[in-house]
PDB file of all heavy atoms in Angstrom:
ATOM      1  N   GLU A   1     122.386  96.881 108.367  1.00  0.00           N
ATOM      2  CA  GLU A   1     122.865  97.353 109.688  1.00  0.00           C
ATOM      3  C   GLU A   1     124.226  96.772 109.985  1.00  0.00           C
ATOM      4  O   GLU A   1     125.186  97.454 110.282  1.00  0.00           O
ATOM      5  CB  GLU A   1     121.933  96.872 110.635  1.00  0.00           C
ATOM      6  CG  GLU A   1     122.263  97.273 112.102  1.00  0.00           C
ATOM      7  CD  GLU A   1     121.305  96.706 113.179  1.00  0.00           C
ATOM      8  OE1 GLU A   1     121.147  95.598 113.292  1.00  0.00           O
ATOM      9  OE2 GLU A   1     120.816  97.579 114.041  1.00  0.00           O
ATOM     10  N   LYS A   2     124.387  95.453 109.741  1.00  0.00           N
ATOM     11  CA  LYS A   2     125.760  94.834 109.916  1.00  0.00           C
ATOM     12  C   LYS A   2     126.869  95.460 109.017  1.00  0.00           C
ATOM     13  O   LYS A   2     127.933  95.771 109.388  1.00  0.00           O
ATOM     14  CB  LYS A   2     125.731  93.286 109.658  1.00  0.00           C
ATOM     15  CG  LYS A   2     124.842  92.582 110.690  1.00  0.00           C
ATOM     16  CD  LYS A   2     125.374  92.651 112.085  1.00  0.00           C
ATOM     17  CE  LYS A   2     124.641  91.697 113.062  1.00  0.00           C
ATOM     18  NZ  LYS A   2     125.029  91.936 114.359  1.00  0.00           N
ATOM     19  N   GLU A   3     126.389  95.660 107.710  1.00  0.00           N
ATOM     20  CA  GLU A   3     127.343  96.236 106.813  1.00  0.00           C
ATOM     21  C   GLU A   3     127.828  97.725 107.148  1.00  0.00           C
ATOM     22  O   GLU A   3     128.972  98.023 107.072  1.00  0.00           O
ATOM     23  CB  GLU A   3     126.711  96.228 105.367  1.00  0.00           C
ATOM     24  CG  GLU A   3     126.639  94.828 104.744  1.00  0.00           C
ATOM     25  CD  GLU A   3     125.855  94.901 103.425  1.00  0.00           C
ATOM     26  OE1 GLU A   3     125.174  95.873 103.067  1.00  0.00           O
ATOM     27  OE2 GLU A   3     125.791  93.788 102.810  1.00  0.00           O
ATOM     28  N   PHE A   4     126.772  98.464 107.560  1.00  0.00           N
ATOM     29  CA  PHE A   4     127.034  99.819 108.009  1.00  0.00           C
ATOM     30  C   PHE A   4     127.945  99.850 109.299  1.00  0.00           C
ATOM     31  O   PHE A   4     128.949 100.554 109.348  1.00  0.00           O
ATOM     32  CB  PHE A   4     125.697 100.453 108.373  1.00  0.00           C
ATOM     33  CG  PHE A   4     125.854 101.844 108.992  1.00  0.00           C
ATOM     34  CD1 PHE A   4     126.321 102.957 108.193  1.00  0.00           C
ATOM     35  CD2 PHE A   4     125.639 102.025 110.346  1.00  0.00           C
ATOM     36  CE1 PHE A   4     126.601 104.099 108.787  1.00  0.00           C
ATOM     37  CE2 PHE A   4     125.819 103.241 110.950  1.00  0.00           C
ATOM     38  CZ  PHE A   4     126.294 104.385 110.144  1.00  0.00           C
ATOM     39  N   LEU A   5     127.653  98.948 110.274  1.00  0.00           N
ATOM     40  CA  LEU A   5     128.525  98.904 111.490  1.00  0.00           C
ATOM     41  C   LEU A   5     129.856  98.401 111.163  1.00  0.00           C
ATOM     42  O   LEU A   5     130.877  98.919 111.776  1.00  0.00           O
ATOM     43  CB  LEU A   5     127.839  98.010 112.546  1.00  0.00           C
ATOM     44  CG  LEU A   5     126.505  98.518 113.070  1.00  0.00           C
ATOM     45  CD1 LEU A   5     125.850  97.475 113.948  1.00  0.00           C
ATOM     46  CD2 LEU A   5     126.661  99.816 113.849  1.00  0.00           C
ATOM     47  N   GLN A   6     129.998  97.556 110.114  1.00  0.00           N
ATOM     48  CA  GLN A   6     131.333  97.182 109.748  1.00  0.00           C
ATOM     49  C   GLN A   6     132.153  98.232 109.176  1.00  0.00           C
ATOM     50  O   GLN A   6     133.426  98.443 109.324  1.00  0.00           O
ATOM     51  CB  GLN A   6     131.282  95.842 108.822  1.00  0.00           C
ATOM     52  CG  GLN A   6     132.570  95.170 108.512  1.00  0.00           C
ATOM     53  CD  GLN A   6     133.103  94.412 109.663  1.00  0.00           C
ATOM     54  OE1 GLN A   6     132.494  93.618 110.327  1.00  0.00           O
ATOM     55  NE2 GLN A   6     134.330  94.846 110.110  1.00  0.00           N
ATOM     56  N   GLN A   7     131.453  99.098 108.325  1.00  0.00           N
ATOM     57  CA  GLN A   7     132.085 100.197 107.779  1.00  0.00           C
ATOM     58  C   GLN A   7     132.397 101.254 108.716  1.00  0.00           C
ATOM     59  O   GLN A   7     133.571 101.873 108.616  1.00  0.00           O
ATOM     60  CB  GLN A   7     131.092 100.818 106.764  1.00  0.00           C
ATOM     61  CG  GLN A   7     130.887  99.980 105.512  1.00  0.00           C
ATOM     62  CD  GLN A   7     129.668 100.430 104.616  1.00  0.00           C
ATOM     63  OE1 GLN A   7     129.127 101.494 105.013  1.00  0.00           O
ATOM     64  NE2 GLN A   7     129.199  99.745 103.770  1.00  0.00           N
ATOM     65  N   CYS A   8     131.725 101.388 109.814  1.00  0.00           N
ATOM     66  CA  CYS A   8     132.026 102.378 110.897  1.00  0.00           C
ATOM     67  C   CYS A   8     133.246 101.888 111.716  1.00  0.00           C
ATOM     68  O   CYS A   8     133.809 102.726 112.378  1.00  0.00           O
ATOM     69  CB  CYS A   8     130.811 102.475 111.806  1.00  0.00           C
ATOM     70  SG  CYS A   8     129.464 103.447 111.051  1.00  0.00           S
ATOM     71  N   ALA A   9     133.467 100.617 111.605  1.00  0.00           N
ATOM     72  CA  ALA A   9     134.493 100.121 112.596  1.00  0.00           C
ATOM     73  C   ALA A   9     135.773 100.656 112.556  1.00  0.00           C
ATOM     74  O   ALA A   9     136.511 100.948 113.521  1.00  0.00           O
ATOM     75  CB  ALA A   9     134.595  98.598 112.396  1.00  0.00           C
ATOM     76  N   SER A  10     136.211 101.189 111.365  1.00  0.00           N
ATOM     77  CA  SER A  10     137.609 101.756 111.203  1.00  0.00           C
ATOM     78  C   SER A  10     137.631 103.018 111.854  1.00  0.00           C
ATOM     79  O   SER A  10     138.684 103.446 112.326  1.00  0.00           O
ATOM     80  CB  SER A  10     137.831 101.903 109.677  1.00  0.00           C
ATOM     81  OG  SER A  10     136.897 102.773 108.988  1.00  0.00           O
ATOM     82  N   SER A  11     136.622 103.898 112.021  1.00  0.00           N
ATOM     83  CA  SER A  11     136.614 105.147 112.717  1.00  0.00           C
ATOM     84  C   SER A  11     136.122 105.125 113.988  1.00  0.00           C
ATOM     85  O   SER A  11     136.545 105.828 114.935  1.00  0.00           O
ATOM     86  CB  SER A  11     135.831 106.099 111.751  1.00  0.00           C
ATOM     87  OG  SER A  11     134.553 105.662 111.608  1.00  0.00           O
ATOM     88  N   SER A  12     135.148 104.139 114.248  1.00  0.00           N
ATOM     89  CA  SER A  12     134.522 104.042 115.543  1.00  0.00           C
ATOM     90  C   SER A  12     135.462 103.184 116.534  1.00  0.00           C
ATOM     91  O   SER A  12     135.386 103.376 117.823  1.00  0.00           O
ATOM     92  CB  SER A  12     133.151 103.416 115.475  1.00  0.00           C
ATOM     93  OG  SER A  12     133.264 102.089 115.292  1.00  0.00           O
ATOM     94  N   GLY A  13     136.192 102.297 115.964  1.00  0.00           N
ATOM     95  CA  GLY A  13     137.011 101.397 116.814  1.00  0.00           C
ATOM     96  C   GLY A  13     136.355 100.165 117.294  1.00  0.00           C
ATOM     97  O   GLY A  13     136.928  99.387 117.995  1.00  0.00           O
ATOM     98  N   ILE A  14     135.023  99.975 117.029  1.00  0.00           N
ATOM     99  CA  ILE A  14     134.304  98.875 117.477  1.00  0.00           C
ATOM    100  C   ILE A  14     133.464  98.297 116.388  1.00  0.00           C
ATOM    101  O   ILE A  14     132.673  99.074 115.727  1.00  0.00           O
ATOM    102  CB  ILE A  14     133.289  99.170 118.695  1.00  0.00           C
ATOM    103  CG1 ILE A  14     134.153  99.891 119.885  1.00  0.00           C
ATOM    104  CG2 ILE A  14     132.515  98.058 119.124  1.00  0.00           C
ATOM    105  CD1 ILE A  14     133.197 100.300 121.019  1.00  0.00           C
ATOM    106  N   GLY A  15     133.667  97.052 116.100  1.00  0.00           N
ATOM    107  CA  GLY A  15     132.916  96.406 115.008  1.00  0.00           C
ATOM    108  C   GLY A  15     131.823  95.492 115.468  1.00  0.00           C
ATOM    109  O   GLY A  15     131.713  95.252 116.668  1.00  0.00           O
ATOM    110  N   PRO A  16     131.032  94.940 114.542  1.00  0.00           N
ATOM    111  CA  PRO A  16     130.028  94.020 114.923  1.00  0.00           C
ATOM    112  C   PRO A  16     130.548  92.614 115.192  1.00  0.00           C
ATOM    113  O   PRO A  16     131.823  92.396 114.951  1.00  0.00           O
ATOM    114  CB  PRO A  16     129.092  93.934 113.717  1.00  0.00           C
ATOM    115  CG  PRO A  16     130.018  94.300 112.528  1.00  0.00           C
ATOM    116  CD  PRO A  16     131.095  95.219 113.126  1.00  0.00           C
ATOM    117  N   VAL A  17     129.721  91.635 115.620  1.00  0.00           N
ATOM    118  CA  VAL A  17     130.136  90.296 115.901  1.00  0.00           C
ATOM    119  C   VAL A  17     130.460  89.766 114.418  1.00  0.00           C
ATOM    120  O   VAL A  17     129.834  90.071 113.530  1.00  0.00           O
ATOM    121  CB  VAL A  17     129.092  89.440 116.626  1.00  0.00           C
ATOM    122  CG1 VAL A  17     128.853  90.060 118.034  1.00  0.00           C
ATOM    123  CG2 VAL A  17     127.910  89.393 115.799  1.00  0.00           C
ATOM    124  N   PRO A  18     131.296  88.609 114.362  1.00  0.00           N
ATOM    125  CA  PRO A  18     131.524  87.912 113.108  1.00  0.00           C
ATOM    126  C   PRO A  18     130.140  87.432 112.644  1.00  0.00           C
ATOM    127  O   PRO A  18     129.419  86.882 113.393  1.00  0.00           O
ATOM    128  CB  PRO A  18     132.497  86.797 113.438  1.00  0.00           C
ATOM    129  CG  PRO A  18     133.161  87.244 114.668  1.00  0.00           C
ATOM    130  CD  PRO A  18     132.207  88.103 115.496  1.00  0.00           C
ATOM    131  N   TYR A  19     129.889  87.667 111.395  1.00  0.00           N
ATOM    132  CA  TYR A  19     128.652  87.314 110.787  1.00  0.00           C
ATOM    133  C   TYR A  19     128.719  86.927 109.288  1.00  0.00           C
ATOM    134  O   TYR A  19     129.714  87.193 108.714  1.00  0.00           O
ATOM    135  CB  TYR A  19     127.630  88.458 110.975  1.00  0.00           C
ATOM    136  CG  TYR A  19     127.779  89.602 109.955  1.00  0.00           C
ATOM    137  CD1 TYR A  19     127.081  89.688 108.722  1.00  0.00           C
ATOM    138  CD2 TYR A  19     128.762  90.562 110.161  1.00  0.00           C
ATOM    139  CE1 TYR A  19     127.278  90.682 107.768  1.00  0.00           C
ATOM    140  CE2 TYR A  19     128.970  91.582 109.295  1.00  0.00           C
ATOM    141  CZ  TYR A  19     128.349  91.666 108.097  1.00  0.00           C
ATOM    142  OH  TYR A  19     128.475  92.712 107.279  1.00  0.00           O
ATOM    143  N   CYS A  20     127.766  86.331 108.765  1.00  0.00           N
ATOM    144  CA  CYS A  20     127.573  86.035 107.399  1.00  0.00           C
ATOM    145  C   CYS A  20     126.095  86.154 107.030  1.00  0.00           C
ATOM    146  O   CYS A  20     125.265  86.032 107.802  1.00  0.00           O
ATOM    147  CB  CYS A  20     128.192  84.749 106.912  1.00  0.00           C
ATOM    148  SG  CYS A  20     127.579  83.325 107.782  1.00  0.00           S
ATOM    149  N   VAL A  21     125.862  86.517 105.761  1.00  0.00           N
ATOM    150  CA  VAL A  21     124.487  86.649 105.183  1.00  0.00           C
ATOM    151  C   VAL A  21     124.062  85.333 104.551  1.00  0.00           C
ATOM    152  O   VAL A  21     124.818  84.746 103.814  1.00  0.00           O
ATOM    153  CB  VAL A  21     124.419  87.833 104.099  1.00  0.00           C
ATOM    154  CG1 VAL A  21     122.920  87.969 103.661  1.00  0.00           C
ATOM    155  CG2 VAL A  21     124.932  89.089 104.748  1.00  0.00           C
ATOM    156  N   ILE A  22     122.881  84.886 104.876  1.00  0.00           N
ATOM    157  CA  ILE A  22     122.293  83.658 104.296  1.00  0.00           C
ATOM    158  C   ILE A  22     121.057  84.003 103.407  1.00  0.00           C
ATOM    159  O   ILE A  22     120.046  84.501 104.037  1.00  0.00           O
ATOM    160  CB  ILE A  22     121.843  82.673 105.426  1.00  0.00           C
ATOM    161  CG1 ILE A  22     122.917  82.336 106.483  1.00  0.00           C
ATOM    162  CG2 ILE A  22     121.268  81.394 104.793  1.00  0.00           C
ATOM    163  CD1 ILE A  22     124.146  81.631 105.849  1.00  0.00           C
ATOM    164  N   GLN A  23     121.257  83.896 102.177  1.00  0.00           N
ATOM    165  CA  GLN A  23     120.134  84.325 101.243  1.00  0.00           C
ATOM    166  C   GLN A  23     119.862  83.268 100.186  1.00  0.00           C
ATOM    167  O   GLN A  23     118.977  83.365  99.325  1.00  0.00           O
ATOM    168  CB  GLN A  23     120.340  85.674 100.599  1.00  0.00           C
ATOM    169  CG  GLN A  23     121.683  85.914  99.964  1.00  0.00           C
ATOM    170  CD  GLN A  23     121.842  87.320  99.510  1.00  0.00           C
ATOM    171  OE1 GLN A  23     120.902  88.069  99.587  1.00  0.00           O
ATOM    172  NE2 GLN A  23     123.147  87.579  99.122  1.00  0.00           N
ATOM    173  N   SER A  24     120.782  82.159 100.271  1.00  0.00           N
ATOM    174  CA  SER A  24     120.522  81.004  99.270  1.00  0.00           C
ATOM    175  C   SER A  24     120.919  79.695  99.885  1.00  0.00           C
ATOM    176  O   SER A  24     121.684  79.694 100.843  1.00  0.00           O
ATOM    177  CB  SER A  24     121.288  81.355  97.965  1.00  0.00           C
ATOM    178  OG  SER A  24     122.695  81.184  98.229  1.00  0.00           O
ATOM    179  N   GLN A  25     120.579  78.656  99.332  1.00  0.00           N
ATOM    180  CA  GLN A  25     120.895  77.295  99.698  1.00  0.00           C
ATOM    181  C   GLN A  25     122.510  77.276  99.714  1.00  0.00           C
ATOM    182  O   GLN A  25     123.060  76.612 100.607  1.00  0.00           O
ATOM    183  CB  GLN A  25     120.332  76.284  98.757  1.00  0.00           C
ATOM    184  CG  GLN A  25     120.336  74.743  99.372  1.00  0.00           C
ATOM    185  CD  GLN A  25     119.192  74.655 100.360  1.00  0.00           C
ATOM    186  OE1 GLN A  25     118.205  75.250 100.232  1.00  0.00           O
ATOM    187  NE2 GLN A  25     119.511  73.753 101.371  1.00  0.00           N
ATOM    188  N   ASN A  26     123.097  77.763  98.776  1.00  0.00           N
ATOM    189  CA  ASN A  26     124.552  77.740  98.704  1.00  0.00           C
ATOM    190  C   ASN A  26     125.295  78.350  99.881  1.00  0.00           C
ATOM    191  O   ASN A  26     126.383  77.885 100.396  1.00  0.00           O
ATOM    192  CB  ASN A  26     125.080  78.372  97.311  1.00  0.00           C
ATOM    193  CG  ASN A  26     126.503  78.171  97.126  1.00  0.00           C
ATOM    194  OD1 ASN A  26     126.966  77.071  97.072  1.00  0.00           O
ATOM    195  ND2 ASN A  26     127.266  79.306  97.085  1.00  0.00           N
ATOM    196  N   ASP A  27     124.681  79.518 100.334  1.00  0.00           N
ATOM    197  CA  ASP A  27     125.265  80.168 101.491  1.00  0.00           C
ATOM    198  C   ASP A  27     125.352  79.243 102.723  1.00  0.00           C
ATOM    199  O   ASP A  27     126.196  79.492 103.588  1.00  0.00           O
ATOM    200  CB  ASP A  27     124.422  81.398 101.873  1.00  0.00           C
ATOM    201  CG  ASP A  27     124.551  82.481 100.722  1.00  0.00           C
ATOM    202  OD1 ASP A  27     125.492  82.520 100.030  1.00  0.00           O
ATOM    203  OD2 ASP A  27     123.601  83.256 100.503  1.00  0.00           O
ATOM    204  N   LEU A  28     124.479  78.305 102.876  1.00  0.00           N
ATOM    205  CA  LEU A  28     124.410  77.424 103.954  1.00  0.00           C
ATOM    206  C   LEU A  28     125.704  76.602 104.148  1.00  0.00           C
ATOM    207  O   LEU A  28     126.164  76.156 105.138  1.00  0.00           O
ATOM    208  CB  LEU A  28     123.255  76.579 103.959  1.00  0.00           C
ATOM    209  CG  LEU A  28     121.880  77.235 104.092  1.00  0.00           C
ATOM    210  CD1 LEU A  28     120.718  76.234 103.779  1.00  0.00           C
ATOM    211  CD2 LEU A  28     121.652  77.915 105.355  1.00  0.00           C
ATOM    212  N   THR A  29     126.317  76.321 102.894  1.00  0.00           N
ATOM    213  CA  THR A  29     127.520  75.403 102.866  1.00  0.00           C
ATOM    214  C   THR A  29     128.717  76.123 102.968  1.00  0.00           C
ATOM    215  O   THR A  29     129.818  75.575 103.077  1.00  0.00           O
ATOM    216  CB  THR A  29     127.523  74.652 101.589  1.00  0.00           C
ATOM    217  OG1 THR A  29     127.578  75.600 100.382  1.00  0.00           O
ATOM    218  CG2 THR A  29     126.126  73.890 101.289  1.00  0.00           C
ATOM    219  N   THR A  30     128.709  77.543 103.023  1.00  0.00           N
ATOM    220  CA  THR A  30     129.990  78.270 103.013  1.00  0.00           C
ATOM    221  C   THR A  30     130.205  78.894 104.345  1.00  0.00           C
ATOM    222  O   THR A  30     131.225  79.721 104.515  1.00  0.00           O
ATOM    223  CB  THR A  30     129.997  79.306 101.892  1.00  0.00           C
ATOM    224  OG1 THR A  30     128.890  80.235 102.084  1.00  0.00           O
ATOM    225  CG2 THR A  30     129.896  78.647 100.505  1.00  0.00           C
ATOM    226  N   VAL A  31     129.390  78.668 105.335  1.00  0.00           N
ATOM    227  CA  VAL A  31     129.533  79.277 106.638  1.00  0.00           C
ATOM    228  C   VAL A  31     130.794  78.675 107.322  1.00  0.00           C
ATOM    229  O   VAL A  31     130.898  77.368 107.401  1.00  0.00           O
ATOM    230  CB  VAL A  31     128.298  78.936 107.570  1.00  0.00           C
ATOM    231  CG1 VAL A  31     128.567  79.470 108.936  1.00  0.00           C
ATOM    232  CG2 VAL A  31     127.073  79.684 106.927  1.00  0.00           C
ATOM    233  N   PRO A  32     131.758  79.441 107.790  1.00  0.00           N
ATOM    234  CA  PRO A  32     133.003  78.823 108.479  1.00  0.00           C
ATOM    235  C   PRO A  32     132.670  78.080 109.684  1.00  0.00           C
ATOM    236  O   PRO A  32     131.663  78.362 110.447  1.00  0.00           O
ATOM    237  CB  PRO A  32     133.783  80.164 108.895  1.00  0.00           C
ATOM    238  CG  PRO A  32     133.248  81.239 107.927  1.00  0.00           C
ATOM    239  CD  PRO A  32     131.762  80.894 107.636  1.00  0.00           C
ATOM    240  N   GLY A  33     133.354  76.966 109.860  1.00  0.00           N
ATOM    241  CA  GLY A  33     133.024  76.080 110.966  1.00  0.00           C
ATOM    242  C   GLY A  33     133.247  76.854 112.400  1.00  0.00           C
ATOM    243  O   GLY A  33     132.407  76.393 113.231  1.00  0.00           O
ATOM    244  N   HIS A  34     134.035  77.760 112.404  1.00  0.00           N
ATOM    245  CA  HIS A  34     134.272  78.391 113.770  1.00  0.00           C
ATOM    246  C   HIS A  34     133.064  79.387 114.072  1.00  0.00           C
ATOM    247  O   HIS A  34     133.059  79.877 115.263  1.00  0.00           O
ATOM    248  CB  HIS A  34     135.586  79.100 113.815  1.00  0.00           C
ATOM    249  CG  HIS A  34     135.582  80.352 112.850  1.00  0.00           C
ATOM    250  ND1 HIS A  34     135.139  81.490 113.208  1.00  0.00           N
ATOM    251  CD2 HIS A  34     136.052  80.396 111.589  1.00  0.00           C
ATOM    252  CE1 HIS A  34     135.429  82.365 112.227  1.00  0.00           C
ATOM    253  NE2 HIS A  34     135.920  81.715 111.236  1.00  0.00           N
ATOM    254  N   PHE A  35     132.196  79.452 113.169  1.00  0.00           N
ATOM    255  CA  PHE A  35     130.961  80.325 113.408  1.00  0.00           C
ATOM    256  C   PHE A  35     129.933  79.625 114.408  1.00  0.00           C
ATOM    257  O   PHE A  35     129.068  80.217 114.926  1.00  0.00           O
ATOM    258  CB  PHE A  35     130.342  80.813 112.112  1.00  0.00           C
ATOM    259  CG  PHE A  35     130.791  82.103 111.632  1.00  0.00           C
ATOM    260  CD1 PHE A  35     132.150  82.423 111.606  1.00  0.00           C
ATOM    261  CD2 PHE A  35     129.957  83.062 111.084  1.00  0.00           C
ATOM    262  CE1 PHE A  35     132.619  83.507 110.970  1.00  0.00           C
ATOM    263  CE2 PHE A  35     130.458  84.219 110.530  1.00  0.00           C
ATOM    264  CZ  PHE A  35     131.819  84.442 110.567  1.00  0.00           C
TER     265      PHE A  35
END
């Protein structure tokens, strides 16, 4: 859903909130601090 809404943003003019996908232990360490 997030990926689709992000793809739509260029034509719809409205994108999703900033997000990241968490699917492994490593992903936990790469989340930007400003999130």
